[in-house]
N, C-alpha and C. Protein backbone atom coordinates (compact mmCIF):
# COMPACT_ATOMS: atom_id res chain seq x y z
N UNK A 1 106.25 103.82 127.28
CA UNK A 1 107.38 103.82 126.35
C UNK A 1 107.05 104.66 125.12
N UNK A 2 108.00 105.44 124.67
CA UNK A 2 107.81 106.30 123.50
C UNK A 2 108.87 105.95 122.46
N UNK A 3 108.43 105.69 121.24
CA UNK A 3 109.33 105.33 120.15
C UNK A 3 109.23 106.41 119.07
N UNK A 4 110.37 106.96 118.66
CA UNK A 4 110.42 108.02 117.64
C UNK A 4 111.08 107.43 116.40
N UNK A 5 110.29 107.25 115.33
CA UNK A 5 110.76 106.51 114.16
C UNK A 5 111.85 107.25 113.40
N UNK A 6 111.73 108.58 113.27
CA UNK A 6 112.71 109.30 112.45
C UNK A 6 114.06 109.51 113.15
N UNK A 7 114.21 108.97 114.36
CA UNK A 7 115.50 109.04 115.03
C UNK A 7 116.50 108.06 114.43
N UNK A 8 116.01 107.05 113.73
CA UNK A 8 116.90 106.14 113.01
C UNK A 8 116.67 106.29 111.52
N UNK A 9 117.66 105.94 110.72
CA UNK A 9 117.59 106.14 109.28
C UNK A 9 116.79 105.02 108.61
N UNK A 10 115.76 105.42 107.87
CA UNK A 10 114.99 104.47 107.07
C UNK A 10 114.22 105.25 106.02
N UNK A 11 113.56 104.54 105.11
CA UNK A 11 112.77 105.18 104.06
C UNK A 11 111.60 105.96 104.66
N UNK A 12 111.24 105.65 105.89
CA UNK A 12 110.18 106.40 106.59
C UNK A 12 110.46 107.90 106.55
N UNK A 13 111.75 108.27 106.68
CA UNK A 13 112.11 109.69 106.72
C UNK A 13 111.80 110.40 105.41
N UNK A 14 111.89 109.68 104.30
CA UNK A 14 111.53 110.29 103.01
C UNK A 14 110.03 110.58 102.96
N UNK A 15 109.23 109.64 103.42
CA UNK A 15 107.78 109.85 103.41
C UNK A 15 107.40 111.00 104.35
N UNK A 16 108.09 111.08 105.49
CA UNK A 16 107.84 112.16 106.44
C UNK A 16 108.17 113.51 105.81
N UNK A 17 109.30 113.58 105.12
CA UNK A 17 109.69 114.83 104.45
C UNK A 17 108.66 115.23 103.40
N UNK A 18 108.13 114.25 102.68
CA UNK A 18 107.17 114.55 101.62
C UNK A 18 105.83 115.04 102.16
N UNK A 19 105.35 114.49 103.28
CA UNK A 19 104.07 114.97 103.81
C UNK A 19 104.21 116.36 104.41
N UNK A 20 105.43 116.76 104.74
CA UNK A 20 105.66 118.13 105.23
C UNK A 20 105.83 119.12 104.08
N UNK A 21 106.31 118.68 102.95
CA UNK A 21 106.71 119.54 101.83
C UNK A 21 105.48 120.15 101.17
N UNK A 22 105.37 121.49 101.19
CA UNK A 22 104.17 122.14 100.66
C UNK A 22 104.01 121.96 99.16
N UNK A 23 105.09 121.66 98.46
CA UNK A 23 104.98 121.39 97.03
C UNK A 23 104.39 119.99 96.79
N UNK A 24 104.92 119.01 97.50
CA UNK A 24 104.43 117.64 97.36
C UNK A 24 103.00 117.53 97.88
N UNK A 25 102.65 118.34 98.87
CA UNK A 25 101.31 118.30 99.44
C UNK A 25 100.21 118.62 98.43
N UNK A 26 100.56 119.27 97.33
CA UNK A 26 99.55 119.60 96.33
C UNK A 26 98.98 118.36 95.64
N UNK A 27 99.69 117.25 95.74
CA UNK A 27 99.21 115.98 95.19
C UNK A 27 98.56 115.20 96.34
N UNK A 28 97.25 115.33 96.47
CA UNK A 28 96.56 114.72 97.61
C UNK A 28 96.63 113.20 97.59
N UNK A 29 96.67 112.60 96.39
CA UNK A 29 96.77 111.15 96.31
C UNK A 29 98.11 110.67 96.87
N UNK A 30 99.19 111.39 96.53
CA UNK A 30 100.51 111.02 97.07
C UNK A 30 100.55 111.26 98.58
N UNK A 31 99.91 112.33 99.04
CA UNK A 31 99.86 112.60 100.48
C UNK A 31 99.20 111.43 101.21
N UNK A 32 98.05 110.98 100.69
CA UNK A 32 97.37 109.85 101.33
C UNK A 32 98.22 108.59 101.28
N UNK A 33 98.86 108.36 100.13
CA UNK A 33 99.68 107.16 99.99
C UNK A 33 100.85 107.16 100.97
N UNK A 34 101.44 108.33 101.19
CA UNK A 34 102.54 108.42 102.14
C UNK A 34 102.07 108.15 103.57
N UNK A 35 100.89 108.66 103.92
CA UNK A 35 100.34 108.35 105.24
C UNK A 35 100.14 106.85 105.40
N UNK A 36 99.63 106.22 104.34
CA UNK A 36 99.42 104.77 104.37
C UNK A 36 100.75 104.03 104.54
N UNK A 37 101.76 104.43 103.78
CA UNK A 37 103.07 103.78 103.89
C UNK A 37 103.64 103.91 105.30
N UNK A 38 103.51 105.11 105.88
CA UNK A 38 104.06 105.35 107.22
C UNK A 38 103.31 104.54 108.27
N UNK A 39 101.99 104.41 108.08
CA UNK A 39 101.22 103.56 108.99
C UNK A 39 101.69 102.12 108.94
N UNK A 40 101.98 101.63 107.73
CA UNK A 40 102.44 100.26 107.57
C UNK A 40 103.80 100.04 108.23
N UNK A 41 104.70 101.01 108.07
CA UNK A 41 106.03 100.88 108.66
C UNK A 41 105.94 100.80 110.18
N UNK A 42 105.13 101.68 110.78
CA UNK A 42 105.01 101.67 112.24
C UNK A 42 104.32 100.38 112.70
N UNK A 43 103.33 99.91 111.95
CA UNK A 43 102.66 98.66 112.30
C UNK A 43 103.66 97.50 112.31
N UNK A 44 104.56 97.49 111.34
CA UNK A 44 105.60 96.46 111.30
C UNK A 44 106.46 96.52 112.56
N UNK A 45 106.83 97.74 112.98
CA UNK A 45 107.63 97.89 114.20
C UNK A 45 106.85 97.40 115.42
N UNK A 46 105.55 97.68 115.47
CA UNK A 46 104.73 97.22 116.59
C UNK A 46 104.68 95.70 116.62
N UNK A 47 104.66 95.07 115.45
CA UNK A 47 104.58 93.60 115.40
C UNK A 47 105.75 92.94 116.12
N UNK A 48 106.87 93.63 116.22
CA UNK A 48 108.04 93.07 116.89
C UNK A 48 107.84 92.96 118.40
N UNK A 49 106.85 93.68 118.94
CA UNK A 49 106.61 93.67 120.39
C UNK A 49 105.63 92.59 120.82
N UNK A 50 105.01 91.89 119.88
CA UNK A 50 103.98 90.90 120.20
C UNK A 50 104.61 89.61 120.72
N UNK A 51 103.77 88.77 121.32
CA UNK A 51 104.16 87.42 121.70
C UNK A 51 104.03 86.51 120.48
N UNK A 52 104.94 85.55 120.37
CA UNK A 52 104.96 84.63 119.23
C UNK A 52 104.97 83.19 119.72
N UNK A 53 104.43 82.29 118.90
CA UNK A 53 104.49 80.87 119.19
C UNK A 53 104.83 80.11 117.91
N UNK A 54 105.47 78.99 118.06
CA UNK A 54 105.88 78.19 116.91
C UNK A 54 104.73 77.29 116.46
N UNK A 55 104.46 77.32 115.16
CA UNK A 55 103.45 76.45 114.58
C UNK A 55 104.03 75.72 113.39
N UNK A 56 103.54 74.52 113.19
CA UNK A 56 104.00 73.72 112.06
C UNK A 56 103.10 73.99 110.84
N UNK A 57 103.74 74.32 109.73
CA UNK A 57 103.04 74.66 108.50
C UNK A 57 103.32 73.58 107.46
N UNK A 58 102.25 73.01 106.92
CA UNK A 58 102.41 71.99 105.88
C UNK A 58 102.67 72.66 104.53
N UNK A 59 103.81 72.38 103.95
CA UNK A 59 104.13 72.85 102.60
C UNK A 59 103.90 71.69 101.62
N UNK A 60 103.99 71.92 100.31
CA UNK A 60 103.85 70.80 99.37
C UNK A 60 104.93 69.72 99.54
N UNK A 61 106.04 70.08 100.21
CA UNK A 61 107.16 69.14 100.29
C UNK A 61 107.52 68.71 101.71
N UNK A 62 106.84 69.25 102.72
CA UNK A 62 107.20 68.88 104.07
C UNK A 62 106.57 69.79 105.10
N UNK A 63 107.20 69.85 106.28
CA UNK A 63 106.71 70.64 107.41
C UNK A 63 107.71 71.74 107.72
N UNK A 64 107.23 72.97 107.86
CA UNK A 64 108.07 74.11 108.25
C UNK A 64 107.62 74.63 109.60
N UNK A 65 108.56 74.84 110.51
CA UNK A 65 108.26 75.48 111.80
C UNK A 65 108.40 76.98 111.65
N UNK A 66 107.33 77.70 111.92
CA UNK A 66 107.33 79.16 111.80
C UNK A 66 106.83 79.80 113.09
N UNK A 67 107.46 80.89 113.48
CA UNK A 67 107.02 81.66 114.64
C UNK A 67 105.96 82.66 114.22
N UNK A 68 104.76 82.54 114.76
CA UNK A 68 103.63 83.37 114.37
C UNK A 68 103.12 84.17 115.57
N UNK A 69 102.63 85.38 115.32
CA UNK A 69 102.14 86.21 116.42
C UNK A 69 100.91 85.61 117.09
N UNK A 70 100.86 85.71 118.41
CA UNK A 70 99.71 85.21 119.17
C UNK A 70 98.55 86.21 119.08
N UNK A 71 98.87 87.50 119.20
CA UNK A 71 97.83 88.53 119.24
C UNK A 71 97.34 88.90 117.84
N UNK A 72 96.05 89.17 117.75
CA UNK A 72 95.47 89.84 116.59
C UNK A 72 94.95 91.18 117.10
N UNK A 73 95.64 92.28 116.78
CA UNK A 73 95.25 93.57 117.38
C UNK A 73 93.94 94.10 116.80
N UNK A 74 93.27 94.92 117.59
CA UNK A 74 92.13 95.69 117.13
C UNK A 74 92.65 97.04 116.63
N UNK A 75 92.26 97.44 115.43
CA UNK A 75 92.73 98.70 114.85
C UNK A 75 91.63 99.75 114.95
N UNK A 76 91.96 100.89 115.57
CA UNK A 76 91.02 101.99 115.71
C UNK A 76 91.70 103.27 115.24
N UNK A 77 90.96 104.12 114.53
CA UNK A 77 91.55 105.35 114.02
C UNK A 77 90.58 106.52 114.19
N UNK A 78 91.18 107.70 114.35
CA UNK A 78 90.41 108.94 114.49
C UNK A 78 90.17 109.53 113.10
N UNK A 79 88.91 109.80 112.78
CA UNK A 79 88.55 110.40 111.49
C UNK A 79 88.93 111.88 111.45
N UNK A 80 89.28 112.49 110.27
CA UNK A 80 89.42 111.94 108.95
C UNK A 80 90.83 111.50 108.64
N UNK A 81 91.77 112.24 109.17
CA UNK A 81 93.16 112.07 108.75
C UNK A 81 93.74 110.72 109.13
N UNK A 82 93.11 110.03 110.08
CA UNK A 82 93.60 108.72 110.46
C UNK A 82 93.30 107.62 109.47
N UNK A 83 92.43 107.90 108.49
CA UNK A 83 91.99 106.84 107.57
C UNK A 83 93.12 106.25 106.72
N UNK A 84 93.98 107.05 106.07
CA UNK A 84 95.06 106.44 105.29
C UNK A 84 96.05 105.67 106.18
N UNK A 85 96.31 106.19 107.37
CA UNK A 85 97.19 105.49 108.31
C UNK A 85 96.56 104.16 108.70
N UNK A 86 95.26 104.19 108.95
CA UNK A 86 94.50 102.98 109.28
C UNK A 86 94.69 101.91 108.20
N UNK A 87 94.59 102.33 106.94
CA UNK A 87 94.75 101.37 105.85
C UNK A 87 96.15 100.78 105.83
N UNK A 88 97.16 101.60 106.10
CA UNK A 88 98.52 101.09 106.17
C UNK A 88 98.70 100.07 107.27
N UNK A 89 98.09 100.32 108.44
CA UNK A 89 98.15 99.36 109.54
C UNK A 89 97.43 98.08 109.16
N UNK A 90 96.26 98.23 108.52
CA UNK A 90 95.47 97.07 108.11
C UNK A 90 96.18 96.25 107.04
N UNK A 91 97.01 96.88 106.22
CA UNK A 91 97.80 96.14 105.24
C UNK A 91 98.76 95.15 105.92
N UNK A 92 99.20 95.49 107.12
CA UNK A 92 100.09 94.61 107.87
C UNK A 92 99.29 93.60 108.69
N UNK A 93 98.31 94.10 109.46
CA UNK A 93 97.49 93.23 110.30
C UNK A 93 96.15 92.99 109.60
N UNK A 94 96.18 92.18 108.55
CA UNK A 94 95.02 92.04 107.68
C UNK A 94 93.90 91.19 108.26
N UNK A 95 94.13 90.57 109.41
CA UNK A 95 93.08 89.79 110.07
C UNK A 95 92.39 90.57 111.19
N UNK A 96 92.78 91.81 111.38
CA UNK A 96 92.31 92.58 112.53
C UNK A 96 90.88 93.09 112.37
N UNK A 97 90.11 93.10 113.47
CA UNK A 97 88.86 93.84 113.48
C UNK A 97 89.15 95.34 113.54
N UNK A 98 88.19 96.15 113.08
CA UNK A 98 88.43 97.58 112.91
C UNK A 98 87.35 98.43 113.56
N UNK A 99 87.75 99.64 113.96
CA UNK A 99 86.80 100.60 114.51
C UNK A 99 87.23 102.01 114.17
N UNK A 100 86.31 102.96 114.36
CA UNK A 100 86.56 104.34 113.99
C UNK A 100 85.97 105.29 115.02
N UNK A 101 86.66 106.41 115.21
CA UNK A 101 86.26 107.40 116.20
C UNK A 101 86.17 108.76 115.52
N UNK A 102 85.08 109.46 115.76
CA UNK A 102 84.91 110.82 115.24
C UNK A 102 85.03 111.81 116.38
N UNK A 103 86.01 112.71 116.28
CA UNK A 103 86.21 113.76 117.27
C UNK A 103 85.86 115.10 116.63
N UNK A 104 85.09 115.90 117.33
CA UNK A 104 84.62 117.17 116.79
C UNK A 104 85.26 118.33 117.54
N UNK A 105 85.79 119.30 116.78
CA UNK A 105 86.32 120.53 117.36
C UNK A 105 85.28 121.62 117.19
N UNK A 106 84.69 122.08 118.29
CA UNK A 106 83.64 123.10 118.27
C UNK A 106 84.22 124.46 118.65
N UNK A 107 83.91 125.48 117.84
CA UNK A 107 84.42 126.83 118.07
C UNK A 107 83.32 127.73 118.62
N UNK A 108 83.71 128.64 119.52
CA UNK A 108 82.76 129.66 119.96
C UNK A 108 83.01 130.94 119.16
N UNK A 109 82.26 132.00 119.46
CA UNK A 109 82.34 133.23 118.68
C UNK A 109 83.67 133.95 118.85
N UNK A 110 84.38 133.65 119.93
CA UNK A 110 85.69 134.26 120.14
C UNK A 110 86.81 133.45 119.49
N UNK A 111 86.47 132.33 118.91
CA UNK A 111 87.48 131.50 118.24
C UNK A 111 88.07 130.42 119.12
N UNK A 112 87.69 130.38 120.39
CA UNK A 112 88.15 129.31 121.27
C UNK A 112 87.43 128.01 120.89
N UNK A 113 88.06 126.88 121.16
CA UNK A 113 87.44 125.62 120.76
C UNK A 113 87.52 124.59 121.88
N UNK A 114 86.61 123.62 121.78
CA UNK A 114 86.63 122.45 122.65
C UNK A 114 86.52 121.22 121.77
N UNK A 115 86.99 120.08 122.28
CA UNK A 115 86.99 118.84 121.51
C UNK A 115 86.10 117.83 122.21
N UNK A 116 85.24 117.17 121.42
CA UNK A 116 84.34 116.17 121.96
C UNK A 116 84.34 114.95 121.04
N UNK A 117 84.13 113.78 121.64
CA UNK A 117 83.96 112.57 120.85
C UNK A 117 82.49 112.49 120.43
N UNK A 118 82.26 112.50 119.12
CA UNK A 118 80.90 112.47 118.59
C UNK A 118 80.39 111.06 118.38
N UNK A 119 81.31 110.15 118.00
CA UNK A 119 80.87 108.83 117.54
C UNK A 119 82.03 107.85 117.68
N UNK A 120 81.69 106.63 118.07
CA UNK A 120 82.70 105.56 118.09
C UNK A 120 82.05 104.26 117.64
N UNK A 121 82.65 103.64 116.64
CA UNK A 121 82.25 102.31 116.18
C UNK A 121 83.38 101.38 116.57
N UNK A 122 83.12 100.50 117.53
CA UNK A 122 84.23 99.79 118.17
C UNK A 122 83.91 98.31 118.37
N UNK A 123 84.77 97.41 117.88
CA UNK A 123 84.59 96.00 118.20
C UNK A 123 85.01 95.72 119.64
N UNK A 124 84.95 94.48 120.05
CA UNK A 124 85.35 94.10 121.40
C UNK A 124 86.82 94.44 121.65
N UNK A 125 87.09 95.18 122.73
CA UNK A 125 88.47 95.56 123.05
C UNK A 125 88.94 95.03 124.40
N UNK A 126 88.03 94.45 125.18
CA UNK A 126 88.42 93.98 126.51
C UNK A 126 89.50 92.92 126.40
N UNK A 127 90.61 93.15 127.10
CA UNK A 127 91.76 92.24 127.12
C UNK A 127 92.43 92.07 125.76
N UNK A 128 92.17 92.99 124.84
CA UNK A 128 92.77 92.95 123.52
C UNK A 128 93.94 93.93 123.42
N UNK A 129 94.83 93.67 122.47
CA UNK A 129 95.83 94.66 122.08
C UNK A 129 95.18 95.59 121.06
N UNK A 130 95.24 96.89 121.33
CA UNK A 130 94.59 97.89 120.48
C UNK A 130 95.65 98.78 119.86
N UNK A 131 95.48 99.09 118.57
CA UNK A 131 96.32 100.09 117.90
C UNK A 131 95.42 101.27 117.56
N UNK A 132 95.72 102.43 118.12
CA UNK A 132 94.91 103.64 117.95
C UNK A 132 95.74 104.67 117.18
N UNK A 133 95.22 105.14 116.04
CA UNK A 133 96.02 106.05 115.21
C UNK A 133 95.30 107.36 114.92
N UNK A 134 96.10 108.41 114.78
CA UNK A 134 95.67 109.70 114.25
C UNK A 134 96.90 110.33 113.60
N UNK A 135 96.67 111.26 112.69
CA UNK A 135 97.79 111.81 111.93
C UNK A 135 98.74 112.61 112.81
N UNK A 136 98.18 113.46 113.69
CA UNK A 136 99.03 114.31 114.53
C UNK A 136 98.51 114.32 115.96
N UNK A 137 99.40 114.63 116.87
CA UNK A 137 99.04 114.92 118.27
C UNK A 137 99.45 116.36 118.52
N UNK A 138 98.47 117.25 118.56
CA UNK A 138 98.74 118.67 118.77
C UNK A 138 98.70 118.98 120.28
N UNK A 139 97.52 119.28 120.80
CA UNK A 139 97.40 119.51 122.25
C UNK A 139 97.35 118.21 123.03
N UNK A 140 97.01 117.12 122.34
CA UNK A 140 96.87 115.82 123.00
C UNK A 140 95.45 115.51 123.44
N UNK A 141 94.56 116.50 123.36
CA UNK A 141 93.19 116.33 123.87
C UNK A 141 92.40 115.29 123.08
N UNK A 142 92.49 115.33 121.74
CA UNK A 142 91.73 114.38 120.92
C UNK A 142 92.16 112.94 121.22
N UNK A 143 93.46 112.72 121.30
CA UNK A 143 93.95 111.37 121.54
C UNK A 143 93.59 110.89 122.94
N UNK A 144 93.66 111.78 123.91
CA UNK A 144 93.28 111.40 125.27
C UNK A 144 91.80 111.00 125.33
N UNK A 145 90.94 111.81 124.69
CA UNK A 145 89.51 111.51 124.69
C UNK A 145 89.23 110.21 123.93
N UNK A 146 89.93 109.99 122.82
CA UNK A 146 89.76 108.76 122.06
C UNK A 146 90.15 107.55 122.90
N UNK A 147 91.25 107.67 123.60
CA UNK A 147 91.70 106.58 124.47
C UNK A 147 90.65 106.27 125.54
N UNK A 148 90.12 107.30 126.16
CA UNK A 148 89.14 107.09 127.23
C UNK A 148 87.83 106.51 126.68
N UNK A 149 87.48 106.90 125.46
CA UNK A 149 86.28 106.33 124.83
C UNK A 149 86.46 104.83 124.60
N UNK A 150 87.67 104.43 124.23
CA UNK A 150 87.96 103.01 124.03
C UNK A 150 87.89 102.25 125.35
N UNK A 151 88.52 102.80 126.38
CA UNK A 151 88.55 102.14 127.69
C UNK A 151 87.13 101.97 128.24
N UNK A 152 86.26 102.93 127.94
CA UNK A 152 84.86 102.83 128.39
C UNK A 152 84.13 101.65 127.75
N UNK A 153 84.65 101.17 126.61
CA UNK A 153 84.06 100.00 125.94
C UNK A 153 84.57 98.68 126.53
N UNK A 154 85.60 98.76 127.34
CA UNK A 154 86.20 97.56 127.93
C UNK A 154 87.70 97.77 128.07
N UNK A 155 88.29 97.26 129.14
CA UNK A 155 89.70 97.51 129.43
C UNK A 155 90.61 96.71 128.50
N UNK A 156 91.34 97.39 127.59
CA UNK A 156 92.27 96.68 126.71
C UNK A 156 93.46 96.13 127.49
N UNK A 157 94.08 95.11 126.96
CA UNK A 157 95.33 94.60 127.53
C UNK A 157 96.43 95.63 127.38
N UNK A 158 96.53 96.23 126.19
CA UNK A 158 97.56 97.24 125.91
C UNK A 158 97.10 98.08 124.72
N UNK A 159 97.48 99.36 124.73
CA UNK A 159 97.12 100.25 123.63
C UNK A 159 98.40 100.83 123.03
N UNK A 160 98.57 100.65 121.73
CA UNK A 160 99.65 101.28 120.98
C UNK A 160 99.07 102.50 120.26
N UNK A 161 99.57 103.67 120.59
CA UNK A 161 99.13 104.91 119.97
C UNK A 161 100.10 105.29 118.86
N UNK A 162 99.56 105.52 117.66
CA UNK A 162 100.37 105.92 116.51
C UNK A 162 100.01 107.33 116.10
N UNK A 163 101.01 108.18 115.92
CA UNK A 163 100.82 109.50 115.32
C UNK A 163 102.08 109.85 114.56
N UNK A 164 101.92 110.53 113.42
CA UNK A 164 103.08 110.79 112.57
C UNK A 164 103.89 111.98 113.04
N UNK A 165 103.22 113.00 113.59
CA UNK A 165 103.91 114.17 114.14
C UNK A 165 103.21 114.57 115.44
N UNK A 166 103.99 114.82 116.47
CA UNK A 166 103.44 115.28 117.75
C UNK A 166 104.18 116.51 118.21
N UNK A 167 103.47 117.38 118.91
CA UNK A 167 104.14 118.50 119.57
C UNK A 167 104.68 118.02 120.92
N UNK A 168 105.71 118.69 121.40
CA UNK A 168 106.24 118.35 122.72
C UNK A 168 105.17 118.53 123.79
N UNK A 169 104.36 119.59 123.63
CA UNK A 169 103.31 119.86 124.62
C UNK A 169 102.26 118.76 124.63
N UNK A 170 101.84 118.34 123.43
CA UNK A 170 100.84 117.28 123.34
C UNK A 170 101.34 115.97 123.90
N UNK A 171 102.60 115.64 123.60
CA UNK A 171 103.19 114.42 124.12
C UNK A 171 103.27 114.46 125.64
N UNK A 172 103.66 115.61 126.18
CA UNK A 172 103.74 115.77 127.63
C UNK A 172 102.37 115.59 128.28
N UNK A 173 101.33 116.10 127.62
CA UNK A 173 99.97 115.95 128.12
C UNK A 173 99.57 114.47 128.19
N UNK A 174 99.88 113.73 127.14
CA UNK A 174 99.52 112.31 127.14
C UNK A 174 100.29 111.53 128.19
N UNK A 175 101.54 111.87 128.38
CA UNK A 175 102.34 111.17 129.38
C UNK A 175 101.79 111.38 130.79
N UNK A 176 101.19 112.54 131.02
CA UNK A 176 100.60 112.84 132.33
C UNK A 176 99.26 112.14 132.51
N UNK A 177 98.49 112.03 131.42
CA UNK A 177 97.09 111.61 131.52
C UNK A 177 96.86 110.11 131.32
N UNK A 178 97.76 109.44 130.59
CA UNK A 178 97.52 108.04 130.25
C UNK A 178 98.40 107.11 131.09
N UNK A 179 97.90 105.91 131.38
CA UNK A 179 98.68 104.96 132.19
C UNK A 179 99.87 104.42 131.42
N UNK A 180 101.07 104.72 131.88
CA UNK A 180 102.28 104.40 131.13
C UNK A 180 102.50 102.90 130.95
N UNK A 181 102.03 102.08 131.90
CA UNK A 181 102.27 100.64 131.81
C UNK A 181 101.38 99.97 130.76
N UNK A 182 100.29 100.63 130.36
CA UNK A 182 99.36 100.03 129.42
C UNK A 182 99.33 100.74 128.08
N UNK A 183 100.21 101.73 127.89
CA UNK A 183 100.21 102.51 126.65
C UNK A 183 101.63 102.62 126.11
N UNK A 184 101.81 102.36 124.82
CA UNK A 184 103.06 102.62 124.13
C UNK A 184 102.77 103.61 123.01
N UNK A 185 103.59 104.64 122.90
CA UNK A 185 103.38 105.70 121.91
C UNK A 185 104.43 105.57 120.81
N UNK A 186 103.96 105.58 119.56
CA UNK A 186 104.83 105.49 118.39
C UNK A 186 104.65 106.76 117.57
N UNK A 187 105.72 107.53 117.42
CA UNK A 187 105.66 108.81 116.72
C UNK A 187 106.64 108.83 115.55
N UNK A 188 106.21 109.49 114.46
CA UNK A 188 107.14 109.71 113.37
C UNK A 188 108.18 110.74 113.75
N UNK A 189 107.73 111.84 114.36
CA UNK A 189 108.64 112.93 114.75
C UNK A 189 107.98 113.75 115.84
N UNK A 190 108.81 114.48 116.59
CA UNK A 190 108.33 115.42 117.61
C UNK A 190 108.77 116.82 117.21
N UNK A 191 107.82 117.76 117.16
CA UNK A 191 108.11 119.16 116.84
C UNK A 191 108.00 120.01 118.10
N UNK A 192 108.76 121.11 118.12
CA UNK A 192 108.91 121.89 119.34
C UNK A 192 107.72 122.79 119.67
N UNK A 193 107.10 123.40 118.66
CA UNK A 193 106.18 124.51 118.91
C UNK A 193 104.73 124.12 118.68
N UNK A 194 103.85 124.64 119.54
CA UNK A 194 102.40 124.53 119.39
C UNK A 194 101.82 125.93 119.54
N UNK A 195 101.10 126.40 118.52
CA UNK A 195 100.55 127.75 118.55
C UNK A 195 99.31 127.81 119.46
N UNK A 196 98.83 129.02 119.70
CA UNK A 196 97.65 129.20 120.55
C UNK A 196 96.41 128.56 119.92
N UNK A 197 96.42 128.37 118.60
CA UNK A 197 95.31 127.71 117.91
C UNK A 197 95.54 126.21 117.75
N UNK A 198 96.56 125.71 118.48
CA UNK A 198 96.89 124.27 118.46
C UNK A 198 97.35 123.77 117.10
N UNK A 199 98.16 124.58 116.41
CA UNK A 199 98.83 124.12 115.21
C UNK A 199 100.28 123.82 115.55
N UNK A 200 100.77 122.68 115.05
CA UNK A 200 102.15 122.29 115.30
C UNK A 200 103.06 122.99 114.32
N UNK A 201 104.19 123.52 114.82
CA UNK A 201 105.19 124.18 113.99
C UNK A 201 106.53 123.45 114.15
N UNK A 202 107.17 123.02 113.05
CA UNK A 202 106.81 123.25 111.65
C UNK A 202 105.64 122.42 111.16
N UNK A 203 105.39 121.24 111.77
CA UNK A 203 104.21 120.47 111.46
C UNK A 203 104.06 120.14 109.99
N UNK A 204 102.78 120.10 109.54
CA UNK A 204 102.52 119.84 108.12
C UNK A 204 101.25 120.53 107.64
N UNK A 205 100.55 121.25 108.51
CA UNK A 205 99.27 121.84 108.14
C UNK A 205 98.14 120.95 108.60
N UNK A 206 96.98 121.08 107.96
CA UNK A 206 95.80 120.28 108.32
C UNK A 206 95.82 118.98 107.52
N UNK A 207 96.15 117.88 108.18
CA UNK A 207 96.31 116.60 107.49
C UNK A 207 95.01 116.13 106.86
N UNK A 208 93.88 116.36 107.53
CA UNK A 208 92.60 115.95 106.97
C UNK A 208 92.27 116.68 105.69
N UNK A 209 92.50 118.00 105.67
CA UNK A 209 92.26 118.79 104.45
C UNK A 209 93.21 118.38 103.33
N UNK A 210 94.47 118.13 103.68
CA UNK A 210 95.44 117.74 102.65
C UNK A 210 95.11 116.38 102.05
N UNK A 211 94.52 115.51 102.84
CA UNK A 211 94.18 114.18 102.35
C UNK A 211 92.86 114.15 101.59
N UNK A 212 91.87 114.95 102.07
CA UNK A 212 90.50 114.78 101.56
C UNK A 212 89.83 116.08 101.12
N UNK A 213 90.52 117.20 101.18
CA UNK A 213 89.94 118.46 100.76
C UNK A 213 89.47 119.28 101.95
N UNK A 214 89.36 120.60 101.72
CA UNK A 214 89.00 121.53 102.79
C UNK A 214 87.58 121.26 103.27
N UNK A 215 87.36 121.49 104.58
CA UNK A 215 86.05 121.31 105.17
C UNK A 215 85.52 122.66 105.64
N UNK A 216 84.23 122.74 105.82
CA UNK A 216 83.60 123.95 106.35
C UNK A 216 83.55 123.84 107.87
N UNK A 217 84.01 124.88 108.56
CA UNK A 217 83.98 124.91 110.03
C UNK A 217 82.72 125.65 110.46
N UNK A 218 81.89 124.95 111.22
CA UNK A 218 80.65 125.55 111.72
C UNK A 218 80.91 126.14 113.10
N UNK A 219 80.59 127.43 113.26
CA UNK A 219 80.81 128.10 114.55
C UNK A 219 79.50 128.12 115.31
């Protein structure tokens, strides 16, 4: 199942517009805050898909019956740009265990690149609901590798993938490679074009650099 958040009207669309806007992007603190807000909004939408049970809550004046979620999801994010989104998700699911994945893009002398998972810090995921986030899905390779790295740690019950902008090509790649019955994809928006260097157009640029400053690329 694929859910596109900007297809319906909400304040999410304002935050999406701002992270794309090259003028607003000059304020890195606001850029990070918008990523956090968008992560929280999508996490709230994911919470609607969970199983719930009624529990009795003692108040100072009596007993209240409240429907509470059964699942406590595991939150995993791809470094660097996934960090503000991760915090937004954690603001909603504040009891969740957390993990992080480092994916490295290696370039050769001709400028071609490959993507590898360098590091994963992961709590128990077997039979758990997992929320996996990254800022964008360009070619889809990083997200596919991150998903497989998680599965190698133990088979999750279900994985919710969050990304704020995806290319049509990257989304198509994930739909082919990932098991549809165990994966739900949540996207802020889908963009049409992916360049030969795997940049999404119109996209937003390099989310990691915009959030945390430019990095040096080692060839």
